[in-house]
Amino acid sequence: MLTREQQTTLLRIARDSIAGQLQGRRVEIDVDRHDEPLRRPAGAFVTLRTRERRLRGCIGSVLPVDPLCRAVATSAVNAAFRDPRFPPLYAEELPQIDLEISVMGPLIRVADPAEVVCGRDGLVVSHGSYAGLLLPQVASEHGWDRETFLSYTCAKAGLDPDAWRSAIVRIDRFEALVFAE
């Protein structure tokens, strides 16, 4: 759990990291100056949306490799400039972009797809070199039921939408703390 102040700090780190990149400088994150929860390793995704709520970028990491404050900074820059679905963000856009951060919980292997709860769980579907991830809020935003959510995650992985029904496809779920500006 993060306090509202810690969430605000992470949102500022994300915006400052993008702004720094736009100005040609790299924002260094001094991990030691942050609270312990922000120093703890955690996966994080940063989602960029236009004021009209259109997706403009979303990239992150599921695994807790870096301290949360650094994971957010890296994900923000990657979402703004390296999401292959969109051109890199330009400076004039930044004031019109809303940021959303998803702090990842642990991956939990799904034994039975009936375990998946839309609105609570995010999904990772994988098979061989194929993998797709959808954050928990995606199902809620689109009004999807469990089967639709599983199908879209398979499609994102480059698999047949019904691949989740196969025992050879791995399904993991996770929860996330999601907050926005």
Foldseek 3Di string as FASTA:
>chain_A
DDDVVVVVVLQVLLLVQQVQVLVVHGDDDPLVVDDPQQQFFWKKKKWKAFLVRHTAFIDIDHDRDGRNSVRSSVNSNCRQPPRVVHHHHHPVRSVRIKMKMWTWDDKDWDPDLVVDDQLFKWKWKDADPFIFTDARCVCVVVVHDSLQNQLVRCVRRVHHSPCVVDPRMIMIIIGIDMDID
